[in-house]
Amino acid sequence: MGIVAIALASTGALVLSGCAGGGEKSAEGSAIIIANGSEPQMSLIPTNTTEAGGGKIITSIFAGLVSYSAAGAIENEVAESIESDDATTWTVTLNDGWTFSNDEPVTASSFVDAWNYGALVTNAQGSSYFFDNIVGYSDVANTKDDPTGAVDATGAVIQLPDPLAETMSGLTVVDDTTFTVQLSGAEADWPLRLGYSAYSPLPAVAFEDMDAFGQNPIGNGPYELAGADAWQHDVQIELVTNPDYAGVRTPKNDGLTIVFYASFDAAYAAVQGGDLDVLDQIPESALASYESDFPDTFVNEPAAVFQAFNMPYYLEHWSGDEGKLRRAAVSMAIDRAEITDVVFQGTRTPATDFTSPVIDGYSDSLKGSEVLEYNPEEAVALWAEADAISPYTGTFDIAYNADGPHQVWVDAVVNSVKNTLGIDAVGKPYPTFAASLDDREASTLTGGTRAGWLADYPSLYNFLAPLYQTGAGSNYEGYSSEEFDTLLTEGAAASSVEEATAKYVEAQEVLLQDLPTIPLWYQNTSGVWSDNVSNVDYGWDSVPLYYAITKN
């Protein structure tokens, strides 16, 4: 099938339609592809996997209603059509014949049950907020003060509705291949988000023991786990092709082994030695040499990856008027242009907003974006204003995971802050990405924290809602703005892409005033691969299209 898009049909209905691709596995390149990755933070449940390490695996073993092409366009997978007359009530029709790798049919209930599980507050799923636009979400996931003791992403105690509904009223199964979705407001581009892994279906067996299922998941995607012991924690995970897969990502190889390297330097050395086939991020130590090391097998192109660092609102000096002044001062104390040129050798671009240049609607001329420009004189003046409110003492630190290529740029950023503002500033390494996330989730950081974002789906909204909306799943540092939330809601309900973009621009201008995160730069897709493989391409999200890779 070809690329499909949302269109206004002659009947007046919004339509996304097409057919599933064939499921024949090619004999070309018959071999196992070895790729790099990281130990997933959580068990492999689609609605609870929100980080890149687990995301690579989930996307490989599950197929949703749609998937994304290399350029970020949606292509039908399990869906035959996704239609609406008003962009509020959507009818989803599935292609018949799909099965999970345990031979269980993929039905409308497979999606509806999985989405209801993901939304239900007592299941504590990290991606629950992806369902917040479906009617009935507030009945299964409320976030108000209550003596239950559970807290949301902002630290507010969660009040459970009484009685607590277990399903969203906006989801209705019509028959085995049809279900309807009623949104709380019009959202013309709603199908665009459905390629994200949180919208994956689940087999009935998952609900018998979700913890056990998360350790050995059964999916319907191009790959499946190689066996009961396929996930070797902190070492690797072994996937083989799923012979019953019926979508558009038909593997051109026999399987995929994702190795969890302790560092990107180790992974880079493994590619050079022929032990690793494809690497999706180049370490700082190789930025000056990767083009000569891999003259015919490298990539350096824009991707939907935003890099920043956050300052928690629960820390002294970083909230209220004093906090606004300090956030602006720190931002203007960072020489982004020098760091991207010297440290990253042109594989990064200084940020001018909170999204990515590859996303439709991106702007490099937001009102207030001068706060992202290097201005040491103004930075010193703003810091002094903040000190007049409450003198700053102690060390300014930025936490980062040492198993990723971050130390060099973190050191460059804290040195820029230190030299400009005359304060003690250091990097604070954590051994793994999972460990750094644990302290963010527990609200126990002592300073700033690295806060990159790889888009879940190609939309401005996805760069904004999950990170800065009040109570959002990845809003770990507790930002809350009624003005921002309102603009985001108005943008999501806009009747046209142009109107939505205008609201998202306004919302970002609020962020530029508050600076819950300090934007740094956009990350390019910069990777290399060995001579052992061919047909290597990287997607809009910088992740290699593993299914297309062939072994030489």
Protein backbone atom coordinates (compact mmCIF):
# COMPACT_ATOMS: atom_id res chain seq x y z
CA MET A 1 0.00 0.00 0.00
CA GLY A 2 1.05 3.61 -0.42
CA ILE A 3 1.30 6.48 2.00
CA VAL A 4 -2.12 7.49 3.33
CA ALA A 5 -3.28 10.74 4.86
CA ILE A 6 -6.28 12.37 6.44
CA ALA A 7 -8.51 13.81 3.73
CA LEU A 8 -11.97 15.28 3.33
CA ALA A 9 -13.90 12.77 1.29
CA SER A 10 -16.73 13.67 -1.05
CA THR A 11 -19.23 12.52 1.57
CA GLY A 12 -17.88 15.08 4.02
CA ALA A 13 -16.23 12.45 6.20
CA LEU A 14 -12.66 12.66 7.43
CA VAL A 15 -11.08 9.47 6.14
CA LEU A 16 -7.91 7.47 6.64
CA SER A 17 -8.12 4.33 4.56
CA GLY A 18 -6.04 1.73 2.80
CA CYS A 19 -5.13 -1.94 2.88
CA ALA A 20 -2.63 -3.98 4.80
CA GLY A 21 0.61 -5.04 3.20
CA GLY A 22 1.49 -8.65 2.49
CA GLY A 23 3.00 -10.84 5.14
CA GLU A 24 5.46 -12.80 3.00
CA LYS A 25 8.91 -12.88 4.52
CA SER A 26 11.71 -12.19 2.07
CA ALA A 27 14.66 -14.55 1.86
CA GLU A 28 16.87 -11.59 0.92
CA GLY A 29 19.47 -10.77 3.58
CA SER A 30 18.55 -13.84 5.63
CA ALA A 31 20.39 -13.26 8.93
CA ILE A 32 20.15 -11.65 12.35
CA ILE A 33 20.75 -7.87 12.56
CA ILE A 34 22.71 -6.71 15.62
CA ALA A 35 21.74 -3.23 16.87
CA ASN A 36 22.51 -1.12 19.93
CA GLY A 37 20.07 -0.28 22.68
CA SER A 38 19.66 0.13 26.43
CA GLU A 39 18.00 -1.87 29.17
CA PRO A 40 14.31 -0.87 29.29
CA GLN A 41 13.36 1.01 32.43
CA MET A 42 10.06 -0.84 32.76
CA SER A 43 8.61 -4.19 31.73
CA LEU A 44 7.58 -4.35 28.08
CA ILE A 45 3.97 -3.20 28.30
CA PRO A 46 3.15 -0.72 25.50
CA THR A 47 1.25 1.76 27.70
CA ASN A 48 4.04 1.84 30.29
CA THR A 49 7.07 2.20 28.01
CA THR A 50 7.98 5.87 27.63
CA GLU A 51 11.76 5.77 27.05
CA ALA A 52 13.78 5.02 23.93
CA GLY A 53 15.36 1.75 25.12
CA GLY A 54 12.04 0.02 25.61
CA GLY A 55 10.40 1.90 22.76
CA LYS A 56 12.64 0.30 20.12
CA ILE A 57 11.57 -3.12 21.31
CA ILE A 58 7.86 -2.38 21.66
CA THR A 59 7.71 -0.91 18.15
CA SER A 60 9.42 -4.01 16.78
CA ILE A 61 7.11 -6.57 18.39
CA PHE A 62 3.77 -4.73 18.17
CA ALA A 63 1.77 -3.29 15.29
CA GLY A 64 -0.88 -0.66 15.93
CA LEU A 65 -3.60 0.76 13.76
CA VAL A 66 -1.00 2.69 11.75
CA SER A 67 2.77 2.97 11.55
CA TYR A 68 5.08 5.72 10.30
CA SER A 69 7.08 5.87 7.10
CA ALA A 70 10.69 7.03 7.16
CA ALA A 71 9.47 10.58 6.53
CA GLY A 72 6.85 10.45 9.30
CA ALA A 73 3.72 9.88 7.19
CA ILE A 74 1.13 7.43 8.53
CA GLU A 75 0.59 4.10 6.81
CA ASN A 76 -2.16 1.66 7.73
CA GLU A 77 -1.19 -1.46 9.62
CA VAL A 78 -4.04 -3.24 11.42
CA ALA A 79 -6.49 -0.50 10.41
CA GLU A 80 -8.39 -0.79 7.16
CA SER A 81 -9.88 2.68 7.70
CA ILE A 82 -10.22 5.40 10.35
CA GLU A 83 -13.15 7.66 9.52
CA SER A 84 -15.11 10.55 10.99
CA ASP A 85 -17.80 12.99 9.86
CA ASP A 86 -16.98 15.57 12.54
CA ALA A 87 -13.42 14.78 13.78
CA THR A 88 -14.97 13.96 17.17
CA THR A 89 -16.52 10.50 16.74
CA TRP A 90 -14.25 8.14 14.84
CA THR A 91 -15.04 4.71 13.41
CA VAL A 92 -12.10 2.33 13.22
CA THR A 93 -12.36 -0.69 10.92
CA LEU A 94 -9.69 -3.37 11.15
CA ASN A 95 -8.24 -5.56 8.46
CA ASP A 96 -9.44 -9.09 9.07
CA GLY A 97 -6.97 -11.94 9.57
CA TRP A 98 -4.40 -10.34 11.91
CA THR A 99 -3.21 -12.51 14.79
CA PHE A 100 -0.87 -12.22 17.74
CA SER A 101 2.16 -14.51 17.74
CA ASN A 102 0.25 -16.96 19.99
CA ASP A 103 -2.37 -17.28 17.18
CA GLU A 104 -4.99 -15.27 19.08
CA PRO A 105 -6.97 -13.04 16.66
CA VAL A 106 -6.40 -9.28 16.80
CA THR A 107 -9.89 -7.83 17.25
CA ALA A 108 -11.53 -4.54 18.15
CA SER A 109 -11.50 -5.68 21.78
CA SER A 110 -7.71 -6.15 21.57
CA PHE A 111 -7.41 -2.39 21.12
CA VAL A 112 -10.25 -1.24 23.36
CA ASP A 113 -9.20 -3.43 26.29
CA ALA A 114 -5.56 -2.33 25.96
CA TRP A 115 -6.48 1.36 25.85
CA ASN A 116 -8.79 1.04 28.85
CA TYR A 117 -6.03 -0.74 30.77
CA GLY A 118 -3.59 2.02 29.88
CA ALA A 119 -5.93 4.79 31.01
CA LEU A 120 -7.06 3.29 34.34
CA VAL A 121 -5.32 5.21 37.13
CA THR A 122 -4.88 2.17 39.39
CA ASN A 123 -2.74 0.53 36.70
CA ALA A 124 -0.29 3.46 36.95
CA GLN A 125 0.75 3.38 33.30
CA GLY A 126 3.28 5.99 32.16
CA SER A 127 1.44 6.70 28.91
CA SER A 128 -2.05 6.99 30.43
CA TYR A 129 -2.32 10.65 29.40
CA PHE A 130 -2.34 9.65 25.72
CA PHE A 131 -5.99 8.69 26.26
CA ASP A 132 -7.02 11.91 28.03
CA ASN A 133 -8.93 13.18 24.97
CA ILE A 134 -11.28 10.18 24.94
CA VAL A 135 -14.70 10.65 26.57
CA GLY A 136 -14.75 8.93 29.95
CA TYR A 137 -11.05 9.34 30.67
CA SER A 138 -11.78 11.51 33.71
CA ASP A 139 -13.88 8.66 35.15
CA VAL A 140 -10.92 6.27 35.15
CA ALA A 141 -8.08 8.72 35.86
CA ASN A 142 -8.72 11.68 38.14
CA THR A 143 -5.99 13.78 39.75
CA LYS A 144 -7.27 15.72 42.75
CA ASP A 145 -6.44 15.72 46.46
CA ASP A 146 -7.56 12.61 48.31
CA PRO A 147 -6.30 10.54 51.26
CA THR A 148 -5.39 7.60 49.02
CA GLY A 149 -1.70 8.47 49.13
CA ALA A 150 -1.05 7.97 45.39
CA VAL A 151 0.38 11.03 43.64
CA ASP A 152 0.47 12.25 40.06
CA ALA A 153 3.41 13.70 38.07
CA THR A 154 3.06 17.09 39.82
CA GLY A 155 3.16 15.57 43.30
CA ALA A 156 -0.54 16.19 43.92
CA VAL A 157 -2.37 13.39 45.69
CA ILE A 158 -4.69 11.46 43.38
CA GLN A 159 -8.39 11.32 44.14
CA LEU A 160 -10.07 8.25 42.73
CA PRO A 161 -13.59 8.79 41.37
CA ASP A 162 -16.27 7.14 43.50
CA PRO A 163 -17.14 4.73 42.10
CA LEU A 164 -14.06 4.33 39.91
CA ALA A 165 -15.01 3.38 36.36
CA GLU A 166 -12.89 0.66 34.77
CA THR A 167 -13.54 1.59 31.15
CA MET A 168 -13.86 4.79 29.15
CA SER A 169 -17.38 5.42 27.91
CA GLY A 170 -15.99 6.87 24.67
CA LEU A 171 -14.76 3.46 23.48
CA THR A 172 -17.34 1.08 22.03
CA VAL A 173 -16.79 -2.31 20.39
CA VAL A 174 -19.21 -2.70 17.47
CA ASP A 175 -18.03 -6.10 16.26
CA ASP A 176 -14.77 -8.05 15.96
CA THR A 177 -13.35 -5.70 13.33
CA THR A 178 -15.00 -2.39 14.25
CA PHE A 179 -14.91 0.00 17.20
CA THR A 180 -15.77 3.65 17.71
CA VAL A 181 -13.91 6.36 19.59
CA GLN A 182 -15.65 9.47 20.90
CA LEU A 183 -13.25 12.31 21.65
CA SER A 184 -14.01 15.07 24.14
CA GLY A 185 -13.53 17.62 21.36
CA ALA A 186 -12.82 17.79 17.64
CA GLU A 187 -9.30 16.71 16.68
CA ALA A 188 -8.86 16.59 12.93
CA ASP A 189 -5.40 15.00 13.07
CA TRP A 190 -6.21 12.41 15.75
CA PRO A 191 -5.13 9.46 13.53
CA LEU A 192 -1.62 10.96 13.36
CA ARG A 193 -0.93 9.92 16.94
CA LEU A 194 -2.06 6.32 16.52
CA GLY A 195 1.33 5.03 15.36
CA TYR A 196 2.69 5.59 18.87
CA SER A 197 3.27 2.40 20.82
CA ALA A 198 0.80 3.29 23.62
CA TYR A 199 -2.02 2.58 21.15
CA SER A 200 -0.89 -1.00 20.52
CA PRO A 201 -3.35 -3.89 20.97
CA LEU A 202 -2.93 -6.56 23.64
CA PRO A 203 -3.92 -10.24 23.56
CA ALA A 204 -6.41 -11.50 26.15
CA VAL A 205 -3.67 -13.52 27.86
CA ALA A 206 -1.93 -10.28 28.89
CA PHE A 207 -4.69 -9.43 31.37
CA GLU A 208 -4.29 -12.73 33.20
CA ASP A 209 -0.91 -11.63 34.60
CA MET A 210 0.32 -8.29 33.25
CA ASP A 211 3.60 -8.42 35.20
CA ALA A 212 4.52 -11.78 33.69
CA PHE A 213 3.36 -10.63 30.27
CA GLY A 214 5.65 -7.59 30.47
CA GLN A 215 8.67 -9.87 30.86
CA ASN A 216 7.74 -12.03 27.88
CA PRO A 217 5.28 -10.02 25.74
CA ILE A 218 3.24 -11.47 22.91
CA GLY A 219 2.75 -9.03 20.06
CA ASN A 220 1.55 -8.82 16.47
CA GLY A 221 4.43 -6.88 14.93
CA PRO A 222 7.20 -7.74 12.46
CA TYR A 223 9.26 -9.43 15.20
CA GLU A 224 8.59 -11.65 18.21
CA LEU A 225 10.71 -12.72 21.17
CA ALA A 226 13.05 -15.60 20.28
CA GLY A 227 11.95 -17.56 23.36
CA ALA A 228 11.13 -17.43 27.05
CA ASP A 229 14.66 -16.26 27.90
CA ALA A 230 15.02 -13.84 24.99
CA TRP A 231 15.24 -10.81 27.29
CA GLN A 232 18.56 -11.14 29.09
CA HIS A 233 18.38 -8.21 31.46
CA ASP A 234 21.20 -5.65 31.19
CA VAL A 235 22.71 -7.72 28.34
CA GLN A 236 20.46 -7.94 25.27
CA ILE A 237 17.12 -9.01 23.85
CA GLU A 238 16.76 -11.46 20.96
CA LEU A 239 13.93 -11.07 18.44
CA VAL A 240 13.08 -13.23 15.44
CA THR A 241 10.75 -12.49 12.56
CA ASN A 242 7.05 -13.10 13.08
CA PRO A 243 5.90 -15.29 10.15
CA ASP A 244 2.26 -14.23 10.63
CA TYR A 245 2.89 -10.49 10.48
CA ALA A 246 0.63 -8.90 7.85
CA GLY A 247 1.68 -5.24 7.75
CA VAL A 248 3.82 -2.83 5.76
CA ARG A 249 7.07 -3.41 7.70
CA THR A 250 7.85 -6.89 6.39
CA PRO A 251 11.37 -7.83 7.61
CA LYS A 252 14.11 -8.35 5.05
CA ASN A 253 16.14 -10.29 7.62
CA ASP A 254 15.66 -13.19 10.03
CA GLY A 255 15.69 -11.28 13.28
CA LEU A 256 17.00 -8.48 15.44
CA THR A 257 19.23 -8.68 18.49
CA ILE A 258 19.41 -5.44 20.49
CA VAL A 259 22.53 -5.30 22.67
CA PHE A 260 22.50 -3.10 25.79
CA TYR A 261 25.88 -1.37 25.72
CA ALA A 262 27.23 0.39 28.80
CA SER A 263 28.39 3.31 26.67
CA PHE A 264 28.21 4.58 23.11
CA ASP A 265 32.02 4.45 22.97
CA ALA A 266 31.82 0.69 23.49
CA ALA A 267 29.09 0.42 20.87
CA TYR A 268 31.10 2.46 18.37
CA ALA A 269 34.13 0.21 18.89
CA ALA A 270 31.87 -2.79 18.30
CA VAL A 271 30.76 -1.43 14.91
CA GLN A 272 34.38 -0.85 13.97
CA GLY A 273 35.19 -4.42 14.98
CA GLY A 274 32.26 -5.89 13.06
CA ASP A 275 30.43 -7.12 16.17
CA LEU A 276 27.63 -4.54 15.86
CA ASP A 277 25.79 -3.93 12.60
CA VAL A 278 24.14 -0.56 13.14
CA LEU A 279 24.55 2.26 15.68
CA ASP A 280 22.01 5.04 16.08
CA GLN A 281 24.10 7.60 17.97
CA ILE A 282 27.74 8.60 17.67
CA PRO A 283 29.73 9.23 20.88
CA GLU A 284 31.43 12.58 21.38
CA SER A 285 34.81 10.89 21.09
CA ALA A 286 34.08 9.95 17.45
CA LEU A 287 32.32 13.09 16.20
CA ALA A 288 35.48 14.36 14.53
CA SER A 289 36.34 11.01 12.93
CA TYR A 290 33.15 9.09 12.12
CA GLU A 291 32.99 10.31 8.52
CA SER A 292 36.51 9.08 7.82
CA ASP A 293 36.02 5.91 9.91
CA PHE A 294 32.87 5.04 7.93
CA PRO A 295 33.19 6.99 4.66
CA ASP A 296 30.34 5.17 2.91
CA THR A 297 28.20 4.06 5.84
CA PHE A 298 27.22 7.05 7.98
CA VAL A 299 24.27 9.41 8.31
CA ASN A 300 24.00 13.00 9.60
CA GLU A 301 20.58 14.53 8.98
CA PRO A 302 17.85 16.35 10.94
CA ALA A 303 15.59 14.33 13.23
CA ALA A 304 12.72 14.90 15.65
CA VAL A 305 14.96 15.02 18.71
CA PHE A 306 15.03 17.96 21.13
CA GLN A 307 17.68 18.33 23.85
CA ALA A 308 17.37 20.44 26.97
CA PHE A 309 17.77 20.36 30.73
CA ASN A 310 15.06 20.91 33.33
CA MET A 311 15.14 22.72 36.66
CA PRO A 312 12.70 21.18 39.18
CA TYR A 313 10.20 23.57 40.72
CA TYR A 314 10.50 21.82 44.10
CA LEU A 315 14.08 23.10 44.54
CA GLU A 316 14.77 26.26 46.54
CA HIS A 317 15.48 29.33 44.34
CA TRP A 318 13.83 27.87 41.23
CA SER A 319 10.16 28.84 41.56
CA GLY A 320 8.19 32.11 41.62
CA ASP A 321 9.68 35.39 40.42
CA GLU A 322 13.14 34.40 41.65
CA GLY A 323 12.96 31.15 39.70
CA LYS A 324 11.94 32.90 36.47
CA LEU A 325 14.92 35.24 36.75
CA ARG A 326 17.36 32.41 37.44
CA ARG A 327 16.03 30.25 34.60
CA ALA A 328 16.43 33.11 32.12
CA ALA A 329 19.88 33.93 33.48
CA VAL A 330 21.12 30.35 33.14
CA SER A 331 19.67 30.08 29.63
CA MET A 332 21.43 33.25 28.46
CA ALA A 333 24.69 32.11 30.11
CA ILE A 334 25.01 29.15 27.70
CA ASP A 335 26.92 29.60 24.44
CA ARG A 336 24.93 27.09 22.36
CA ALA A 337 26.58 28.01 19.06
CA GLU A 338 30.08 27.34 20.36
CA ILE A 339 29.09 24.06 22.02
CA THR A 340 27.31 22.69 18.94
CA ASP A 341 30.28 23.64 16.73
CA VAL A 342 33.14 22.54 18.99
CA VAL A 343 31.68 19.65 21.00
CA PHE A 344 29.24 18.25 18.45
CA GLN A 345 31.11 19.02 15.23
CA GLY A 346 27.96 20.35 13.55
CA THR A 347 25.73 17.38 14.43
CA ARG A 348 23.48 19.62 16.55
CA THR A 349 21.68 22.93 15.85
CA PRO A 350 21.04 25.56 18.58
CA ALA A 351 17.39 25.51 19.66
CA THR A 352 15.02 28.38 18.91
CA ASP A 353 11.87 26.66 20.22
CA PHE A 354 10.71 23.53 22.08
CA THR A 355 10.07 21.20 19.12
CA SER A 356 12.11 20.26 16.02
CA PRO A 357 12.81 21.77 12.57
CA VAL A 358 11.57 18.56 10.89
CA ILE A 359 8.05 18.94 12.32
CA ASP A 360 5.38 20.83 10.35
CA GLY A 361 4.65 24.15 12.05
CA TYR A 362 8.14 24.67 13.50
CA SER A 363 9.12 28.33 13.97
CA ASP A 364 12.49 29.98 14.52
CA SER A 365 10.99 33.39 15.35
CA LEU A 366 8.89 32.93 18.49
CA LYS A 367 8.25 36.01 20.61
CA GLY A 368 10.68 35.89 23.53
CA SER A 369 13.14 33.49 21.89
CA GLU A 370 15.99 35.92 22.60
CA VAL A 371 16.17 34.23 26.02
CA LEU A 372 17.78 31.30 24.17
CA GLU A 373 20.61 33.47 22.82
CA TYR A 374 24.01 33.80 24.49
CA ASN A 375 23.99 37.13 26.33
CA PRO A 376 26.43 37.05 29.28
CA GLU A 377 25.82 40.66 30.34
CA GLU A 378 22.05 40.19 30.60
CA ALA A 379 22.55 36.82 32.28
CA VAL A 380 24.65 38.40 35.04
CA ALA A 381 22.11 41.20 35.51
CA LEU A 382 19.19 38.77 35.81
CA TRP A 383 21.09 36.57 38.27
CA ALA A 384 21.80 39.64 40.41
CA GLU A 385 18.07 40.50 40.39
CA ALA A 386 17.32 37.01 41.63
CA ASP A 387 19.98 37.29 44.35
CA ALA A 388 18.29 40.47 45.54
CA ILE A 389 15.19 38.36 46.24
CA SER A 390 17.11 35.49 47.88
CA PRO A 391 20.91 34.99 47.69
CA TYR A 392 21.94 31.78 45.93
CA THR A 393 24.25 29.42 47.80
CA GLY A 394 25.57 25.98 47.03
CA THR A 395 26.46 24.18 43.81
CA PHE A 396 24.51 24.24 40.57
CA ASP A 397 24.51 20.73 39.04
CA ILE A 398 23.03 19.00 36.00
CA ALA A 399 22.26 15.29 36.29
CA TYR A 400 22.89 13.00 33.31
CA ASN A 401 23.17 9.29 32.53
CA ALA A 402 26.76 8.19 32.02
CA ASP A 403 25.73 5.27 29.80
CA GLY A 404 24.91 7.82 27.06
CA PRO A 405 27.17 10.33 25.29
CA HIS A 406 26.47 13.26 27.59
CA GLN A 407 29.46 14.04 29.81
CA VAL A 408 31.30 16.28 27.36
CA TRP A 409 28.35 18.54 26.56
CA VAL A 410 27.17 18.68 30.18
CA ASP A 411 30.66 19.76 31.20
CA ALA A 412 30.61 22.40 28.47
CA VAL A 413 27.22 23.72 29.60
CA VAL A 414 28.08 23.89 33.31
CA ASN A 415 31.43 25.54 32.48
CA SER A 416 29.62 28.15 30.41
CA VAL A 417 27.25 28.80 33.33
CA LYS A 418 30.11 28.84 35.82
CA ASN A 419 32.27 31.23 33.79
CA THR A 420 29.39 33.58 33.02
CA LEU A 421 27.63 33.74 36.40
CA GLY A 422 30.60 33.10 38.67
CA ILE A 423 28.93 30.24 40.54
CA ASP A 424 30.06 26.71 41.28
CA ALA A 425 28.58 24.45 38.58
CA VAL A 426 29.21 20.75 37.91
CA GLY A 427 27.82 17.74 36.08
CA LYS A 428 26.26 14.95 38.16
CA PRO A 429 26.57 11.52 36.48
CA TYR A 430 24.23 8.58 37.06
CA PRO A 431 25.41 5.13 35.96
CA THR A 432 22.36 4.38 33.78
CA PHE A 433 19.43 6.13 32.13
CA ALA A 434 17.01 4.15 34.29
CA ALA A 435 18.76 5.35 37.47
CA SER A 436 18.55 8.98 36.38
CA LEU A 437 14.83 8.58 35.65
CA ASP A 438 14.24 7.03 39.07
CA ASP A 439 15.38 10.21 40.86
CA ARG A 440 13.35 12.38 38.49
CA GLU A 441 10.23 10.34 39.17
CA ALA A 442 10.90 10.40 42.93
CA SER A 443 11.44 14.21 42.90
CA THR A 444 14.81 13.82 44.62
CA LEU A 445 17.08 15.71 42.21
CA THR A 446 19.55 18.16 43.70
CA GLY A 447 19.72 20.38 40.61
CA GLY A 448 18.98 20.32 36.90
CA THR A 449 18.57 17.19 34.80
CA ARG A 450 19.20 16.25 31.18
CA ALA A 451 15.80 16.15 29.50
CA GLY A 452 15.92 15.11 25.86
CA TRP A 453 12.76 14.23 23.92
CA LEU A 454 12.43 11.86 20.99
CA ALA A 455 9.01 12.45 19.43
CA ASP A 456 6.42 9.71 19.82
CA TYR A 457 4.64 10.88 16.68
CA PRO A 458 5.39 13.72 14.22
CA SER A 459 3.41 16.61 15.73
CA LEU A 460 4.12 19.88 17.55
CA TYR A 461 1.58 18.79 20.16
CA ASN A 462 3.65 15.74 21.05
CA PHE A 463 6.64 17.91 21.96
CA LEU A 464 4.48 20.00 24.30
CA ALA A 465 1.67 18.06 26.00
CA PRO A 466 3.61 15.07 27.46
CA LEU A 467 6.31 17.32 28.93
CA TYR A 468 4.65 20.52 30.15
CA GLN A 469 0.91 19.97 30.50
CA THR A 470 -0.18 19.91 34.14
CA GLY A 471 0.03 16.35 35.44
CA ALA A 472 1.39 14.90 32.18
CA GLY A 473 3.24 11.59 32.41
CA SER A 474 6.68 13.00 31.51
CA ASN A 475 6.25 16.30 33.40
CA TYR A 476 8.54 15.03 36.16
CA GLU A 477 9.67 18.45 37.38
CA GLY A 478 6.17 19.70 38.20
CA TYR A 479 5.50 22.57 35.77
CA SER A 480 1.93 23.89 35.77
CA SER A 481 0.48 26.83 33.85
CA GLU A 482 -3.23 27.41 33.31
CA GLU A 483 -2.45 29.69 30.34
CA PHE A 484 -0.26 27.06 28.68
CA ASP A 485 -2.80 24.27 29.33
CA THR A 486 -5.63 26.34 27.84
CA LEU A 487 -3.69 27.16 24.67
CA LEU A 488 -2.72 23.52 24.25
CA THR A 489 -6.32 22.40 24.62
CA GLU A 490 -7.51 25.00 22.12
CA GLY A 491 -4.85 23.91 19.66
CA ALA A 492 -5.81 20.24 19.93
CA ALA A 493 -9.45 21.12 19.24
CA ALA A 494 -8.74 23.48 16.33
CA SER A 495 -10.60 22.86 13.10
CA SER A 496 -7.51 23.24 10.91
CA VAL A 497 -3.80 22.57 11.08
CA GLU A 498 -3.10 26.31 10.65
CA GLU A 499 -5.29 27.24 13.62
CA ALA A 500 -3.73 24.50 15.74
CA THR A 501 -0.21 25.64 14.87
CA ALA A 502 -1.04 29.23 15.85
CA LYS A 503 -2.16 28.04 19.31
CA TYR A 504 0.95 25.90 19.74
CA VAL A 505 3.09 28.92 18.86
CA GLU A 506 1.34 30.93 21.58
CA ALA A 507 1.78 28.06 24.02
CA GLN A 508 5.52 27.97 23.34
CA GLU A 509 5.74 31.70 23.94
CA VAL A 510 4.36 31.04 27.42
CA LEU A 511 7.11 28.43 27.90
CA LEU A 512 9.71 31.00 26.85
CA GLN A 513 8.56 33.22 29.71
CA ASP A 514 8.48 30.43 32.31
CA LEU A 515 11.33 28.19 31.04
CA PRO A 516 10.32 24.94 32.77
CA THR A 517 13.03 23.50 30.56
CA ILE A 518 16.13 25.20 29.16
CA PRO A 519 16.21 24.39 25.41
CA LEU A 520 19.71 23.61 24.16
CA TRP A 521 19.76 22.18 20.63
CA TYR A 522 18.16 19.86 18.11
CA GLN A 523 19.93 16.55 17.64
CA ASN A 524 20.62 15.20 14.19
CA THR A 525 20.30 11.56 13.29
CA SER A 526 23.98 10.70 13.37
CA GLY A 527 24.78 7.03 13.05
CA VAL A 528 27.05 4.53 11.40
CA TRP A 529 26.81 0.94 10.21
CA SER A 530 29.25 -1.79 9.31
CA ASP A 531 30.01 -3.31 5.93
CA ASN A 532 28.12 -6.40 7.12
CA VAL A 533 24.75 -4.83 6.27
CA SER A 534 23.00 -2.90 3.50
CA ASN A 535 19.75 -0.98 2.98
CA VAL A 536 20.19 0.99 6.21
CA ASP A 537 17.80 3.90 6.58
CA TYR A 538 16.87 5.97 9.62
CA GLY A 539 13.34 7.16 10.33
CA TRP A 540 12.04 10.65 11.09
CA ASP A 541 12.57 9.83 14.79
CA SER A 542 16.26 8.85 14.27
CA VAL A 543 15.57 5.13 14.90
CA PRO A 544 16.87 2.79 12.17
CA LEU A 545 14.24 0.98 10.10
CA TYR A 546 15.43 -2.40 11.33
CA TYR A 547 13.00 -4.42 9.25
CA ALA A 548 14.50 -3.05 6.00
CA ILE A 549 18.13 -3.90 6.80
CA THR A 550 19.71 -6.83 4.97
CA LYS A 551 22.84 -8.78 5.86
CA ASN A 552 25.62 -8.88 3.25
